[in-house]
């Protein structure tokens, strides 16, 4: 099955009637899409009550992609706020219980930073992550080109298959060293994740600018680009049971409309969504 959704649910204004309160946005979001990425978990290990609230606001068939805490992926600057790495993983895994108990956890996404390059100690750490997460389905997204250069690409994909990592395939600008090439290959027979970051070449690497994060994902996919992805999704579906496509190009508010267009191109009608509220005034 193909699931289409967005990264986060708070900033997609085109989805929400004027009377919708911020606390009710997830319920309304789940009337449009069957899956969402939880980004709050990247910045802090979430309290159980947050996940409990979110699973209760969504229908039975809804699924969550939960982003791994930044201390687990090496984004955290300075010391981690835990006594040990083991304690950090255990706290994060505990925070997933509400998703697991309701059958709403699609996977956990480990997105590693641009300085996490292809070398032995990092491969060892990936094995450690897999060991700590045990049977929880986890996806792997790289941000350093070395994993997919000519020398290591085949070995990287073979390693991911052997270790049962779900490939998080990134569609992003090809803007030099700060970009990962598009590698539309499934490494897990059950699940593949696709994250649509946009193709804003000029804004992708300008981390020195004050508004860098605002322009990095400023992009509106055209129909031709989405049609190309339709073919890639069909090819991927031969090698993997479920595919989750998440649009992350929301700096200009384009993610929701692009996701809707992509749904139309794939001729998908999602079932089991929440009832949609009407904006009467």
Protein backbone atom coordinates (compact mmCIF):
# COMPACT_ATOMS: atom_id res chain seq x y z
CA UNK A 1 0.00 0.00 0.00
CA UNK A 2 1.10 3.56 -0.66
CA UNK A 3 0.66 6.11 2.15
CA UNK A 4 1.03 9.83 1.46
CA UNK A 5 1.43 12.48 4.15
CA UNK A 6 3.39 15.46 5.44
CA UNK A 7 6.14 16.19 7.95
CA UNK A 8 4.31 17.63 10.94
CA UNK A 9 0.71 18.79 11.06
CA UNK A 10 0.83 22.28 12.55
CA UNK A 11 1.98 24.47 9.67
CA UNK A 12 -0.20 23.42 6.75
CA UNK A 13 -2.73 26.26 6.82
CA UNK A 14 -4.46 25.26 3.58
CA UNK A 15 -5.83 22.14 5.29
CA UNK A 16 -7.60 23.85 8.16
CA UNK A 17 -10.90 25.73 8.33
CA UNK A 18 -10.63 29.10 10.06
CA UNK A 19 -12.34 27.90 13.23
CA UNK A 20 -9.99 24.97 13.85
CA UNK A 21 -7.98 25.42 17.05
CA UNK A 22 -4.32 24.42 17.14
CA UNK A 23 -5.12 21.61 19.57
CA UNK A 24 -7.51 20.06 17.02
CA UNK A 25 -5.30 20.32 13.94
CA UNK A 26 -4.09 16.71 14.05
CA UNK A 27 -7.69 15.42 13.98
CA UNK A 28 -8.42 17.61 10.97
CA UNK A 29 -5.12 16.62 9.35
CA UNK A 30 -6.11 12.96 9.65
CA UNK A 31 -9.20 13.68 7.56
CA UNK A 32 -6.83 14.42 4.64
CA UNK A 33 -3.91 12.01 5.05
CA UNK A 34 -3.33 8.59 6.67
CA UNK A 35 0.21 9.20 7.95
CA UNK A 36 2.34 11.98 9.46
CA UNK A 37 5.91 12.50 10.62
CA UNK A 38 6.36 13.50 14.26
CA UNK A 39 9.17 16.06 14.38
CA UNK A 40 8.83 17.06 18.06
CA UNK A 41 10.51 13.79 19.03
CA UNK A 42 13.72 14.97 17.34
CA UNK A 43 14.08 17.96 19.67
CA UNK A 44 13.15 16.18 22.90
CA UNK A 45 12.12 12.72 24.03
CA UNK A 46 8.37 13.21 24.32
CA UNK A 47 6.28 12.66 27.41
CA UNK A 48 3.93 9.68 27.22
CA UNK A 49 0.91 11.95 27.53
CA UNK A 50 1.80 13.67 24.25
CA UNK A 51 1.84 10.45 22.26
CA UNK A 52 -1.31 9.27 24.06
CA UNK A 53 -3.07 12.47 23.04
CA UNK A 54 -1.96 12.15 19.42
CA UNK A 55 -3.01 8.54 19.00
CA UNK A 56 -6.40 9.39 20.55
CA UNK A 57 -6.90 12.24 18.07
CA UNK A 58 -6.49 10.00 15.03
CA UNK A 59 -8.51 7.16 13.49
CA UNK A 60 -7.64 3.50 13.92
CA UNK A 61 -5.89 3.17 10.56
CA UNK A 62 -3.68 6.25 11.03
CA UNK A 63 0.10 5.79 11.21
CA UNK A 64 2.97 7.82 12.69
CA UNK A 65 6.57 8.10 11.49
CA UNK A 66 8.46 9.16 14.62
CA UNK A 67 11.76 10.96 14.13
CA UNK A 68 14.60 9.70 16.34
CA UNK A 69 15.80 12.02 19.11
CA UNK A 70 18.75 14.19 18.05
CA UNK A 71 21.02 12.76 20.75
CA UNK A 72 20.62 9.33 19.14
CA UNK A 73 21.68 10.57 15.70
CA UNK A 74 24.56 12.82 16.72
CA UNK A 75 22.87 16.16 16.06
CA UNK A 76 22.94 17.05 19.76
CA UNK A 77 25.64 19.61 20.55
CA UNK A 78 27.36 19.09 23.87
CA UNK A 79 26.36 16.52 26.46
CA UNK A 80 23.15 14.53 26.18
CA UNK A 81 20.65 15.09 29.02
CA UNK A 82 20.84 11.44 30.09
CA UNK A 83 23.19 9.51 32.36
CA UNK A 84 24.22 7.24 29.49
CA UNK A 85 23.57 6.45 25.85
CA UNK A 86 21.72 3.32 26.92
CA UNK A 87 19.41 5.33 29.17
CA UNK A 88 18.71 7.73 26.30
CA UNK A 89 17.63 4.92 23.98
CA UNK A 90 15.53 3.32 26.70
CA UNK A 91 13.73 6.61 27.40
CA UNK A 92 13.01 7.11 23.70
CA UNK A 93 11.73 3.56 23.28
CA UNK A 94 9.47 4.04 26.29
CA UNK A 95 8.01 7.16 24.64
CA UNK A 96 6.88 5.00 21.70
CA UNK A 97 4.58 2.78 23.78
CA UNK A 98 1.30 4.59 22.96
CA UNK A 99 1.97 4.26 19.22
CA UNK A 100 2.89 0.60 19.56
CA UNK A 101 -0.01 -0.35 21.79
CA UNK A 102 -2.51 1.10 19.31
CA UNK A 103 -0.77 -0.32 16.24
CA UNK A 104 -0.10 3.19 14.93
CA UNK A 105 3.70 3.17 14.80
CA UNK A 106 4.78 2.92 11.16
CA UNK A 107 8.50 3.29 11.87
CA UNK A 108 11.17 5.38 13.58
CA UNK A 109 13.29 7.56 11.31
CA UNK A 110 17.02 7.87 12.01
CA UNK A 111 18.17 10.85 9.95
CA UNK A 112 21.90 11.35 10.43
CA UNK A 113 23.67 14.71 10.09
CA UNK A 114 25.90 15.87 7.21
CA UNK A 115 29.05 15.07 9.20
CA UNK A 116 28.07 11.41 9.71
CA UNK A 117 30.22 9.98 6.93
CA UNK A 118 30.94 6.46 5.73
CA UNK A 119 33.60 5.06 8.03
CA UNK A 120 34.00 2.03 10.23
CA UNK A 121 33.12 3.64 13.55
CA UNK A 122 29.86 5.00 12.11
CA UNK A 123 28.95 1.61 10.66
CA UNK A 124 29.54 0.20 14.15
CA UNK A 125 27.24 2.85 15.61
CA UNK A 126 24.50 1.95 13.11
CA UNK A 127 24.72 -1.64 14.35
CA UNK A 128 24.43 -0.35 17.92
CA UNK A 129 21.27 1.61 17.01
CA UNK A 130 19.73 -1.46 15.40
CA UNK A 131 20.57 -3.55 18.45
CA UNK A 132 19.07 -1.02 20.87
CA UNK A 133 15.86 -0.60 18.87
CA UNK A 134 15.41 -4.40 18.69
CA UNK A 135 12.27 -5.28 16.67
CA UNK A 136 11.02 -1.72 16.19
CA UNK A 137 11.02 -0.91 12.45
CA UNK A 138 13.60 1.81 11.77
CA UNK A 139 14.46 3.80 8.68
CA UNK A 140 17.85 5.21 7.77
CA UNK A 141 18.45 8.52 5.98
CA UNK A 142 21.96 9.76 5.27
CA UNK A 143 23.06 13.35 4.73
CA UNK A 144 26.67 12.67 3.73
CA UNK A 145 27.45 11.76 0.12
CA UNK A 146 30.12 9.20 0.96
CA UNK A 147 27.55 6.48 1.74
CA UNK A 148 26.38 6.50 -1.86
CA UNK A 149 29.51 7.41 -3.80
CA UNK A 150 30.82 5.03 -6.44
CA UNK A 151 33.11 3.28 -3.96
CA UNK A 152 30.58 2.53 -1.21
CA UNK A 153 27.08 2.61 -2.73
CA UNK A 154 26.74 -1.14 -3.32
CA UNK A 155 28.19 -1.95 0.11
CA UNK A 156 25.91 0.57 1.84
CA UNK A 157 22.79 -0.89 0.26
CA UNK A 158 23.94 -4.45 0.99
CA UNK A 159 24.58 -3.49 4.62
CA UNK A 160 21.12 -1.94 4.95
CA UNK A 161 19.50 -5.06 3.53
CA UNK A 162 21.53 -7.35 5.77
CA UNK A 163 20.76 -5.31 8.89
CA UNK A 164 17.08 -4.89 7.87
CA UNK A 165 17.15 -1.09 7.76
CA UNK A 166 14.28 0.60 5.94
CA UNK A 167 15.68 2.95 3.31
CA UNK A 168 14.58 6.56 3.70
CA UNK A 169 14.96 7.76 0.12
CA UNK A 170 15.56 11.51 -0.07
CA UNK A 171 14.48 13.66 -2.99
CA UNK A 172 16.52 16.82 -2.51
CA UNK A 173 18.50 19.42 -4.48
CA UNK A 174 21.69 18.23 -6.09
CA UNK A 175 23.73 21.12 -4.71
CA UNK A 176 27.23 19.77 -4.24
CA UNK A 177 28.70 18.18 -1.11
CA UNK A 178 25.65 18.96 1.01
CA UNK A 179 23.38 16.75 -1.07
CA UNK A 180 22.66 13.04 -1.19
CA UNK A 181 22.08 11.55 -4.65
CA UNK A 182 18.68 10.08 -5.37
CA UNK A 183 18.91 6.33 -4.73
CA UNK A 184 15.44 4.84 -5.34
CA UNK A 185 16.24 1.36 -4.00
CA UNK A 186 14.21 -0.61 -1.46
CA UNK A 187 16.27 -2.36 1.22
CA UNK A 188 13.38 -3.80 3.25
CA UNK A 189 10.65 -6.05 1.84
CA UNK A 190 7.99 -4.65 4.18
CA UNK A 191 8.50 -0.89 4.07
CA UNK A 192 10.20 1.94 2.21
CA UNK A 193 10.13 5.62 3.16
CA UNK A 194 10.37 8.48 0.66
CA UNK A 195 10.90 12.05 1.90
CA UNK A 196 10.32 14.89 -0.54
CA UNK A 197 12.54 17.78 0.56
CA UNK A 198 12.11 19.88 -2.59
CA UNK A 199 14.77 20.92 -5.08
CA UNK A 200 15.73 24.44 -4.02
CA UNK A 201 19.37 24.36 -5.08
CA UNK A 202 20.11 27.97 -4.13
CA UNK A 203 18.66 27.71 -0.64
CA UNK A 204 19.85 24.23 0.34
CA UNK A 205 23.38 24.93 1.59
CA UNK A 206 23.13 28.53 2.83
CA UNK A 207 23.31 27.62 6.51
CA UNK A 208 24.99 30.93 7.35
CA UNK A 209 21.89 32.95 6.50
CA UNK A 210 19.50 33.89 9.30
CA UNK A 211 16.50 32.62 7.34
CA UNK A 212 18.23 29.47 6.06
CA UNK A 213 15.70 27.07 7.54
CA UNK A 214 12.86 29.06 6.00
CA UNK A 215 14.24 28.90 2.46
CA UNK A 216 15.83 25.43 2.56
CA UNK A 217 12.53 23.69 1.89
CA UNK A 218 11.01 26.43 -0.27
CA UNK A 219 9.93 24.52 -3.36
CA UNK A 220 6.80 23.66 -5.31
CA UNK A 221 7.02 20.38 -7.26
CA UNK A 222 5.60 20.63 -10.75
CA UNK A 223 3.42 17.95 -12.30
CA UNK A 224 6.22 16.61 -14.49
CA UNK A 225 8.45 16.04 -11.45
CA UNK A 226 5.66 14.31 -9.56
CA UNK A 227 4.90 12.17 -12.62
CA UNK A 228 8.53 11.01 -12.63
CA UNK A 229 8.08 10.02 -9.00
CA UNK A 230 4.91 8.13 -9.85
CA UNK A 231 6.98 5.81 -12.05
CA UNK A 232 9.64 5.40 -9.34
CA UNK A 233 6.97 4.54 -6.77
CA UNK A 234 5.54 1.89 -9.10
CA UNK A 235 9.02 0.41 -9.55
CA UNK A 236 9.68 0.45 -5.80
CA UNK A 237 6.36 -1.29 -5.13
CA UNK A 238 7.74 -4.39 -6.88
CA UNK A 239 10.33 -4.79 -4.11
CA UNK A 240 8.55 -3.55 -0.99
CA UNK A 241 5.07 -4.10 0.46
CA UNK A 242 4.31 -0.61 1.81
CA UNK A 243 5.65 2.79 0.75
CA UNK A 244 5.29 5.97 2.81
CA UNK A 245 5.76 9.25 0.94
CA UNK A 246 6.18 12.36 3.11
CA UNK A 247 6.32 15.88 1.67
CA UNK A 248 8.72 18.13 3.59
CA UNK A 249 8.75 21.12 1.19
CA UNK A 250 6.66 23.41 3.34
CA UNK A 251 8.64 26.64 3.62
CA UNK A 252 6.18 28.18 1.17
CA UNK A 253 3.17 26.09 2.14
CA UNK A 254 3.47 23.79 -0.89
CA UNK A 255 3.71 20.40 0.82
CA UNK A 256 -0.03 19.79 1.27
CA UNK A 257 -1.00 20.74 -2.27
CA UNK A 258 1.87 18.69 -3.74
CA UNK A 259 0.80 15.68 -1.66
CA UNK A 260 -2.78 16.06 -2.91
CA UNK A 261 -1.61 16.29 -6.52
CA UNK A 262 0.57 13.21 -6.06
CA UNK A 263 -2.37 11.32 -4.60
CA UNK A 264 -4.42 12.22 -7.69
CA UNK A 265 -1.63 11.11 -10.03
CA UNK A 266 -1.49 7.74 -8.25
CA UNK A 267 -5.30 7.53 -8.28
CA UNK A 268 -5.42 6.64 -4.59
CA UNK A 269 -8.48 7.02 -2.35
CA UNK A 270 -7.58 6.67 1.32
CA UNK A 271 -10.07 4.88 3.52
CA UNK A 272 -10.62 5.18 7.27
CA UNK A 273 -9.81 8.89 7.52
CA UNK A 274 -11.34 11.17 10.14
CA UNK A 275 -14.58 12.98 9.18
CA UNK A 276 -13.73 16.37 7.67
CA UNK A 277 -14.97 19.53 9.37
CA UNK A 278 -16.61 22.22 7.31
CA UNK A 279 -15.68 25.89 7.34
CA UNK A 280 -19.13 27.48 7.18
CA UNK A 281 -18.15 31.02 8.15
